[in-house]
Amino acid sequence: MEQFLRRLTRLEAGILDVLPLTRAENVRRIAEDADLPYKSLPEDVAEAIDLQRTRCAAEGQS
């Protein structure tokens, strides 16, 4: 579990580091290509890259 949390934190930090250097659409496209669901990212990061909540809505979550 500790390794998972460490990797998740690194992913979040990496996304936030790259956002000022590129367009959010590019980062979103990479996340979508990797099949990364909205709920797997912190809400502020997912919203910053405008990741769609389609999976959450399909599962009946908000």
Protein backbone atom coordinates (compact mmCIF):
# COMPACT_ATOMS: atom_id res chain seq x y z
CA MET A 1 0.00 0.00 0.00
CA GLU A 2 2.84 2.36 0.82
CA GLN A 3 4.38 1.85 -2.62
CA PHE A 4 1.00 2.51 -4.29
CA LEU A 5 0.54 5.78 -2.40
CA ARG A 6 4.07 6.84 -3.24
CA ARG A 7 3.45 6.19 -6.94
CA LEU A 8 0.12 8.02 -6.86
CA THR A 9 1.78 11.02 -5.23
CA ARG A 10 4.51 10.99 -7.87
CA LEU A 11 1.90 10.81 -10.64
CA GLU A 12 0.03 13.79 -9.21
CA ALA A 13 3.25 15.79 -8.81
CA GLY A 14 4.33 14.92 -12.35
CA ILE A 15 1.04 16.09 -13.83
CA LEU A 16 1.18 19.35 -11.90
CA ASP A 17 4.82 19.89 -12.95
CA VAL A 18 4.11 19.41 -16.64
CA LEU A 19 0.91 21.50 -16.83
CA PRO A 20 2.67 24.89 -17.08
CA LEU A 21 4.86 23.52 -19.89
CA THR A 22 2.11 22.19 -22.14
CA ARG A 23 -1.60 22.46 -22.80
CA ALA A 24 -4.03 20.66 -20.51
CA GLU A 25 -5.48 18.88 -23.57
CA ASN A 26 -2.15 17.11 -24.14
CA VAL A 27 -2.01 15.86 -20.56
CA ARG A 28 -5.66 14.83 -20.69
CA ARG A 29 -5.06 12.89 -23.89
CA ILE A 30 -2.18 11.00 -22.26
CA ALA A 31 -4.38 10.18 -19.24
CA GLU A 32 -7.18 8.98 -21.52
CA ASP A 33 -4.78 6.89 -23.64
CA ALA A 34 -3.52 5.29 -20.42
CA ASP A 35 -7.16 4.57 -19.48
CA LEU A 36 -6.76 6.55 -16.27
CA PRO A 37 -10.18 7.07 -14.70
CA TYR A 38 -11.26 10.41 -13.22
CA LYS A 39 -11.70 8.95 -9.75
CA SER A 40 -8.11 7.69 -9.64
CA LEU A 41 -6.78 11.27 -9.56
CA PRO A 42 -7.32 13.96 -6.96
CA GLU A 43 -10.29 16.07 -8.04
CA ASP A 44 -8.26 19.26 -8.49
CA VAL A 45 -5.79 17.48 -10.82
CA ALA A 46 -8.56 15.82 -12.85
CA GLU A 47 -10.33 19.16 -13.22
CA ALA A 48 -7.10 20.96 -14.13
CA ILE A 49 -6.69 18.68 -17.14
CA ASP A 50 -10.44 18.66 -17.81
CA LEU A 51 -10.68 14.88 -17.50
CA GLN A 52 -14.26 13.75 -18.06
CA ARG A 53 -16.26 12.08 -15.30
CA THR A 54 -17.84 9.63 -17.74
CA ARG A 55 -16.82 6.53 -15.82
CA CYS A 56 -18.08 7.91 -12.51
CA ALA A 57 -21.40 8.90 -14.06
CA ALA A 58 -21.70 5.50 -15.71
CA GLU A 59 -21.14 3.84 -12.34
CA GLY A 60 -23.80 6.00 -10.71
CA GLN A 61 -21.35 8.12 -8.71
CA SER A 62 -21.06 11.90 -8.72
